[in-house]
Amino acid sequence: MKVNKLKGKIVERGMNIESLAKMIGVDRATLYRKLNDAEKITIGEAAKIKEVLEISDSDAYDIFLA
């Protein structure tokens, strides 16, 4: 996962990790762990992040899969 690109998308939307975590239904600390590769982001969480941040399909592929 390309964490820096995802963090850039979060900032572009005027959000922070805490607000994103709340919007996708996970604890802030859990999302931090997932962004630091201590835990994996699930497909469902990636889909929610994509929706909330309005990320294009190609950007989502680049962030989560490439």
PDB file of N, CA and C in Angstrom:
ATOM      1  N   MET A   1       0.847  -1.176   0.000  1.00  0.00           N
ATOM      2  CA  MET A   1       0.000   0.000   0.000  1.00  0.00           C
ATOM      3  C   MET A   1       0.892   1.239   0.000  1.00  0.00           C
ATOM      4  N   LYS A   2       0.478   2.219  -0.779  1.00  0.00           N
ATOM      5  CA  LYS A   2       1.221   3.477  -0.860  1.00  0.00           C
ATOM      6  C   LYS A   2       0.617   4.472   0.134  1.00  0.00           C
ATOM      7  N   VAL A   3       1.138   4.431   1.351  1.00  0.00           N
ATOM      8  CA  VAL A   3       0.598   5.217   2.458  1.00  0.00           C
ATOM      9  C   VAL A   3       0.701   6.710   2.185  1.00  0.00           C
ATOM     10  N   ASN A   4       1.825   7.162   1.652  1.00  0.00           N
ATOM     11  CA  ASN A   4       1.990   8.596   1.415  1.00  0.00           C
ATOM     12  C   ASN A   4       0.981   9.132   0.410  1.00  0.00           C
ATOM     13  N   LYS A   5       0.679   8.348  -0.618  1.00  0.00           N
ATOM     14  CA  LYS A   5      -0.323   8.764  -1.596  1.00  0.00           C
ATOM     15  C   LYS A   5      -1.707   8.824  -0.945  1.00  0.00           C
ATOM     16  N   LEU A   6      -2.010   7.847  -0.098  1.00  0.00           N
ATOM     17  CA  LEU A   6      -3.291   7.849   0.604  1.00  0.00           C
ATOM     18  C   LEU A   6      -3.379   9.045   1.545  1.00  0.00           C
ATOM     19  N   LYS A   7      -2.313   9.322   2.280  1.00  0.00           N
ATOM     20  CA  LYS A   7      -2.314  10.476   3.175  1.00  0.00           C
ATOM     21  C   LYS A   7      -2.500  11.771   2.393  1.00  0.00           C
ATOM     22  N   GLY A   8      -1.935  11.841   1.196  1.00  0.00           N
ATOM     23  CA  GLY A   8      -2.129  13.006   0.339  1.00  0.00           C
ATOM     24  C   GLY A   8      -3.589  13.186  -0.036  1.00  0.00           C
ATOM     25  N   LYS A   9      -4.263  12.084  -0.342  1.00  0.00           N
ATOM     26  CA  LYS A   9      -5.694  12.140  -0.679  1.00  0.00           C
ATOM     27  C   LYS A   9      -6.515  12.589   0.533  1.00  0.00           C
ATOM     28  N   ILE A  10      -6.117  12.143   1.716  1.00  0.00           N
ATOM     29  CA  ILE A  10      -6.813  12.550   2.941  1.00  0.00           C
ATOM     30  C   ILE A  10      -6.704  14.064   3.112  1.00  0.00           C
ATOM     31  N   VAL A  11      -5.501  14.592   2.940  1.00  0.00           N
ATOM     32  CA  VAL A  11      -5.277  16.037   3.077  1.00  0.00           C
ATOM     33  C   VAL A  11      -6.021  16.809   1.992  1.00  0.00           C
ATOM     34  N   GLU A  12      -6.019  16.289   0.744  1.00  0.00           N
ATOM     35  CA  GLU A  12      -6.731  16.948  -0.358  1.00  0.00           C
ATOM     36  C   GLU A  12      -8.205  17.155  -0.024  1.00  0.00           C
ATOM     37  N   ARG A  13      -8.775  16.218   0.708  1.00  0.00           N
ATOM     38  CA  ARG A  13     -10.195  16.303   1.083  1.00  0.00           C
ATOM     39  C   ARG A  13     -10.411  17.112   2.364  1.00  0.00           C
ATOM     40  N   GLY A  14      -9.332  17.686   2.905  1.00  0.00           N
ATOM     41  CA  GLY A  14      -9.459  18.501   4.112  1.00  0.00           C
ATOM     42  C   GLY A  14      -9.760  17.682   5.354  1.00  0.00           C
ATOM     43  N   MET A  15      -9.308  16.452   5.344  1.00  0.00           N
ATOM     44  CA  MET A  15      -9.572  15.547   6.461  1.00  0.00           C
ATOM     45  C   MET A  15      -8.268  15.201   7.160  1.00  0.00           C
ATOM     46  N   ASN A  16      -8.392  14.428   8.234  1.00  0.00           N
ATOM     47  CA  ASN A  16      -7.238  13.857   8.911  1.00  0.00           C
ATOM     48  C   ASN A  16      -7.548  12.388   9.198  1.00  0.00           C
ATOM     49  N   ILE A  17      -6.566  11.683   9.741  1.00  0.00           N
ATOM     50  CA  ILE A  17      -6.733  10.245  10.001  1.00  0.00           C
ATOM     51  C   ILE A  17      -7.913   9.990  10.934  1.00  0.00           C
ATOM     52  N   GLU A  18      -8.050  10.822  11.950  1.00  0.00           N
ATOM     53  CA  GLU A  18      -9.128  10.632  12.919  1.00  0.00           C
ATOM     54  C   GLU A  18     -10.502  10.767  12.264  1.00  0.00           C
ATOM     55  N   SER A  19     -10.691  11.791  11.435  1.00  0.00           N
ATOM     56  CA  SER A  19     -11.998  11.976  10.803  1.00  0.00           C
ATOM     57  C   SER A  19     -12.278  10.864   9.788  1.00  0.00           C
ATOM     58  N   LEU A  20     -11.255  10.436   9.067  1.00  0.00           N
ATOM     59  CA  LEU A  20     -11.444   9.326   8.123  1.00  0.00           C
ATOM     60  C   LEU A  20     -11.816   8.053   8.869  1.00  0.00           C
ATOM     61  N   ALA A  21     -11.128   7.778   9.956  1.00  0.00           N
ATOM     62  CA  ALA A  21     -11.419   6.579  10.745  1.00  0.00           C
ATOM     63  C   ALA A  21     -12.880   6.569  11.191  1.00  0.00           C
ATOM     64  N   LYS A  22     -13.338   7.706  11.665  1.00  0.00           N
ATOM     65  CA  LYS A  22     -14.721   7.820  12.125  1.00  0.00           C
ATOM     66  C   LYS A  22     -15.697   7.554  10.973  1.00  0.00           C
ATOM     67  N   MET A  23     -15.385   8.094   9.793  1.00  0.00           N
ATOM     68  CA  MET A  23     -16.288   7.949   8.647  1.00  0.00           C
ATOM     69  C   MET A  23     -16.334   6.528   8.091  1.00  0.00           C
ATOM     70  N   ILE A  24     -15.242   5.767   8.267  1.00  0.00           N
ATOM     71  CA  ILE A  24     -15.265   4.386   7.763  1.00  0.00           C
ATOM     72  C   ILE A  24     -15.584   3.372   8.859  1.00  0.00           C
ATOM     73  N   GLY A  25     -15.782   3.868  10.079  1.00  0.00           N
ATOM     74  CA  GLY A  25     -16.236   2.999  11.158  1.00  0.00           C
ATOM     75  C   GLY A  25     -15.163   2.186  11.848  1.00  0.00           C
ATOM     76  N   VAL A  26     -13.931   2.710  11.903  1.00  0.00           N
ATOM     77  CA  VAL A  26     -12.875   2.034  12.655  1.00  0.00           C
ATOM     78  C   VAL A  26     -12.287   3.001  13.673  1.00  0.00           C
ATOM     79  N   ASP A  27     -11.672   2.451  14.680  1.00  0.00           N
ATOM     80  CA  ASP A  27     -11.032   3.270  15.695  1.00  0.00           C
ATOM     81  C   ASP A  27      -9.811   3.977  15.100  1.00  0.00           C
ATOM     82  N   ARG A  28      -9.540   5.173  15.557  1.00  0.00           N
ATOM     83  CA  ARG A  28      -8.412   5.972  15.078  1.00  0.00           C
ATOM     84  C   ARG A  28      -7.103   5.194  15.214  1.00  0.00           C
ATOM     85  N   ALA A  29      -6.893   4.590  16.370  1.00  0.00           N
ATOM     86  CA  ALA A  29      -5.658   3.840  16.614  1.00  0.00           C
ATOM     87  C   ALA A  29      -5.539   2.653  15.653  1.00  0.00           C
ATOM     88  N   THR A  30      -6.648   2.019  15.364  1.00  0.00           N
ATOM     89  CA  THR A  30      -6.651   0.891  14.429  1.00  0.00           C
ATOM     90  C   THR A  30      -6.237   1.361  13.042  1.00  0.00           C
ATOM     91  N   LEU A  31      -6.768   2.496  12.596  1.00  0.00           N
ATOM     92  CA  LEU A  31      -6.407   2.994  11.274  1.00  0.00           C
ATOM     93  C   LEU A  31      -4.930   3.374  11.223  1.00  0.00           C
ATOM     94  N   TYR A  32      -4.424   3.981  12.275  1.00  0.00           N
ATOM     95  CA  TYR A  32      -2.987   4.288  12.319  1.00  0.00           C
ATOM     96  C   TYR A  32      -2.148   3.014  12.179  1.00  0.00           C
ATOM     97  N   ARG A  33      -2.539   1.959  12.887  1.00  0.00           N
ATOM     98  CA  ARG A  33      -1.800   0.695  12.792  1.00  0.00           C
ATOM     99  C   ARG A  33      -1.851   0.143  11.372  1.00  0.00           C
ATOM    100  N   LYS A  34      -3.007   0.245  10.749  1.00  0.00           N
ATOM    101  CA  LYS A  34      -3.153  -0.265   9.388  1.00  0.00           C
ATOM    102  C   LYS A  34      -2.305   0.549   8.410  1.00  0.00           C
ATOM    103  N   LEU A  35      -2.205   1.838   8.625  1.00  0.00           N
ATOM    104  CA  LEU A  35      -1.392   2.677   7.746  1.00  0.00           C
ATOM    105  C   LEU A  35       0.100   2.450   7.963  1.00  0.00           C
ATOM    106  N   ASN A  36       0.467   1.950   9.118  1.00  0.00           N
ATOM    107  CA  ASN A  36       1.871   1.670   9.408  1.00  0.00           C
ATOM    108  C   ASN A  36       2.218   0.206   9.192  1.00  0.00           C
ATOM    109  N   ASP A  37       1.361  -0.520   8.475  1.00  0.00           N
ATOM    110  CA  ASP A  37       1.577  -1.923   8.106  1.00  0.00           C
ATOM    111  C   ASP A  37       1.642  -2.901   9.265  1.00  0.00           C
ATOM    112  N   ALA A  38       1.207  -2.479  10.443  1.00  0.00           N
ATOM    113  CA  ALA A  38       1.138  -3.419  11.561  1.00  0.00           C
ATOM    114  C   ALA A  38      -0.061  -4.355  11.366  1.00  0.00           C
ATOM    115  N   GLU A  39      -1.070  -3.867  10.659  1.00  0.00           N
ATOM    116  CA  GLU A  39      -2.251  -4.657  10.317  1.00  0.00           C
ATOM    117  C   GLU A  39      -2.593  -4.372   8.866  1.00  0.00           C
ATOM    118  N   LYS A  40      -3.295  -5.278   8.228  1.00  0.00           N
ATOM    119  CA  LYS A  40      -3.692  -5.100   6.831  1.00  0.00           C
ATOM    120  C   LYS A  40      -5.058  -4.426   6.732  1.00  0.00           C
ATOM    121  N   ILE A  41      -5.211  -3.584   5.742  1.00  0.00           N
ATOM    122  CA  ILE A  41      -6.508  -2.979   5.452  1.00  0.00           C
ATOM    123  C   ILE A  41      -7.338  -4.020   4.706  1.00  0.00           C
ATOM    124  N   THR A  42      -8.568  -4.204   5.138  1.00  0.00           N
ATOM    125  CA  THR A  42      -9.444  -5.169   4.469  1.00  0.00           C
ATOM    126  C   THR A  42      -9.978  -4.580   3.163  1.00  0.00           C
ATOM    127  N   ILE A  43     -10.502  -5.433   2.321  1.00  0.00           N
ATOM    128  CA  ILE A  43     -11.096  -4.980   1.061  1.00  0.00           C
ATOM    129  C   ILE A  43     -12.269  -4.049   1.351  1.00  0.00           C
ATOM    130  N   GLY A  44     -13.060  -4.393   2.350  1.00  0.00           N
ATOM    131  CA  GLY A  44     -14.199  -3.553   2.723  1.00  0.00           C
ATOM    132  C   GLY A  44     -13.769  -2.176   3.197  1.00  0.00           C
ATOM    133  N   GLU A  45     -12.709  -2.124   3.990  1.00  0.00           N
ATOM    134  CA  GLU A  45     -12.200  -0.838   4.469  1.00  0.00           C
ATOM    135  C   GLU A  45     -11.636  -0.019   3.318  1.00  0.00           C
ATOM    136  N   ALA A  46     -10.930  -0.677   2.402  1.00  0.00           N
ATOM    137  CA  ALA A  46     -10.387   0.024   1.236  1.00  0.00           C
ATOM    138  C   ALA A  46     -11.524   0.609   0.400  1.00  0.00           C
ATOM    139  N   ALA A  47     -12.600  -0.156   0.240  1.00  0.00           N
ATOM    140  CA  ALA A  47     -13.754   0.329  -0.524  1.00  0.00           C
ATOM    141  C   ALA A  47     -14.388   1.538   0.156  1.00  0.00           C
ATOM    142  N   LYS A  48     -14.505   1.501   1.474  1.00  0.00           N
ATOM    143  CA  LYS A  48     -15.065   2.636   2.206  1.00  0.00           C
ATOM    144  C   LYS A  48     -14.170   3.862   2.086  1.00  0.00           C
ATOM    145  N   ILE A  49     -12.861   3.656   2.200  1.00  0.00           N
ATOM    146  CA  ILE A  49     -11.915   4.768   2.063  1.00  0.00           C
ATOM    147  C   ILE A  49     -12.027   5.370   0.669  1.00  0.00           C
ATOM    148  N   LYS A  50     -12.098   4.505  -0.343  1.00  0.00           N
ATOM    149  CA  LYS A  50     -12.236   4.968  -1.730  1.00  0.00           C
ATOM    150  C   LYS A  50     -13.486   5.822  -1.889  1.00  0.00           C
ATOM    151  N   GLU A  51     -14.580   5.374  -1.298  1.00  0.00           N
ATOM    152  CA  GLU A  51     -15.849   6.098  -1.401  1.00  0.00           C
ATOM    153  C   GLU A  51     -15.794   7.437  -0.660  1.00  0.00           C
ATOM    154  N   VAL A  52     -15.330   7.410   0.572  1.00  0.00           N
ATOM    155  CA  VAL A  52     -15.291   8.619   1.393  1.00  0.00           C
ATOM    156  C   VAL A  52     -14.378   9.678   0.789  1.00  0.00           C
ATOM    157  N   LEU A  53     -13.224   9.251   0.288  1.00  0.00           N
ATOM    158  CA  LEU A  53     -12.258  10.200  -0.263  1.00  0.00           C
ATOM    159  C   LEU A  53     -12.488  10.481  -1.744  1.00  0.00           C
ATOM    160  N   GLU A  54     -13.497   9.811  -2.329  1.00  0.00           N
ATOM    161  CA  GLU A  54     -13.827   9.969  -3.745  1.00  0.00           C
ATOM    162  C   GLU A  54     -12.595   9.734  -4.621  1.00  0.00           C
ATOM    163  N   ILE A  55     -11.940   8.608  -4.372  1.00  0.00           N
ATOM    164  CA  ILE A  55     -10.737   8.229  -5.107  1.00  0.00           C
ATOM    165  C   ILE A  55     -11.151   7.502  -6.386  1.00  0.00           C
ATOM    166  N   SER A  56     -10.505   7.843  -7.490  1.00  0.00           N
ATOM    167  CA  SER A  56     -10.803   7.178  -8.758  1.00  0.00           C
ATOM    168  C   SER A  56     -10.365   5.711  -8.687  1.00  0.00           C
ATOM    169  N   ASP A  57     -10.904   4.914  -9.604  1.00  0.00           N
ATOM    170  CA  ASP A  57     -10.539   3.492  -9.644  1.00  0.00           C
ATOM    171  C   ASP A  57      -9.043   3.312  -9.871  1.00  0.00           C
ATOM    172  N   SER A  58      -8.474   4.090 -10.787  1.00  0.00           N
ATOM    173  CA  SER A  58      -7.049   3.942 -11.081  1.00  0.00           C
ATOM    174  C   SER A  58      -6.179   4.363  -9.898  1.00  0.00           C
ATOM    175  N   ASP A  59      -6.570   5.438  -9.203  1.00  0.00           N
ATOM    176  CA  ASP A  59      -5.815   5.847  -8.021  1.00  0.00           C
ATOM    177  C   ASP A  59      -5.953   4.817  -6.896  1.00  0.00           C
ATOM    178  N   ALA A  60      -7.156   4.268  -6.740  1.00  0.00           N
ATOM    179  CA  ALA A  60      -7.373   3.244  -5.711  1.00  0.00           C
ATOM    180  C   ALA A  60      -6.506   2.020  -5.991  1.00  0.00           C
ATOM    181  N   TYR A  61      -6.442   1.610  -7.243  1.00  0.00           N
ATOM    182  CA  TYR A  61      -5.587   0.479  -7.614  1.00  0.00           C
ATOM    183  C   TYR A  61      -4.142   0.787  -7.256  1.00  0.00           C
ATOM    184  N   ASP A  62      -3.703   2.005  -7.618  1.00  0.00           N
ATOM    185  CA  ASP A  62      -2.315   2.399  -7.350  1.00  0.00           C
ATOM    186  C   ASP A  62      -2.016   2.456  -5.848  1.00  0.00           C
ATOM    187  N   ILE A  63      -2.961   2.942  -5.063  1.00  0.00           N
ATOM    188  CA  ILE A  63      -2.753   3.086  -3.625  1.00  0.00           C
ATOM    189  C   ILE A  63      -2.796   1.725  -2.919  1.00  0.00           C
ATOM    190  N   PHE A  64      -3.813   0.945  -3.185  1.00  0.00           N
ATOM    191  CA  PHE A  64      -4.053  -0.265  -2.400  1.00  0.00           C
ATOM    192  C   PHE A  64      -3.433  -1.541  -2.969  1.00  0.00           C
ATOM    193  N   LEU A  65      -3.205  -1.596  -4.274  1.00  0.00           N
ATOM    194  CA  LEU A  65      -2.784  -2.867  -4.869  1.00  0.00           C
ATOM    195  C   LEU A  65      -1.405  -2.853  -5.511  1.00  0.00           C
ATOM    196  N   ALA A  66      -0.951  -1.722  -5.962  1.00  0.00           N
ATOM    197  CA  ALA A  66       0.336  -1.687  -6.688  1.00  0.00           C
ATOM    198  C   ALA A  66       1.519  -1.634  -5.745  1.00  0.00           C
TER     199      ALA A  66
END
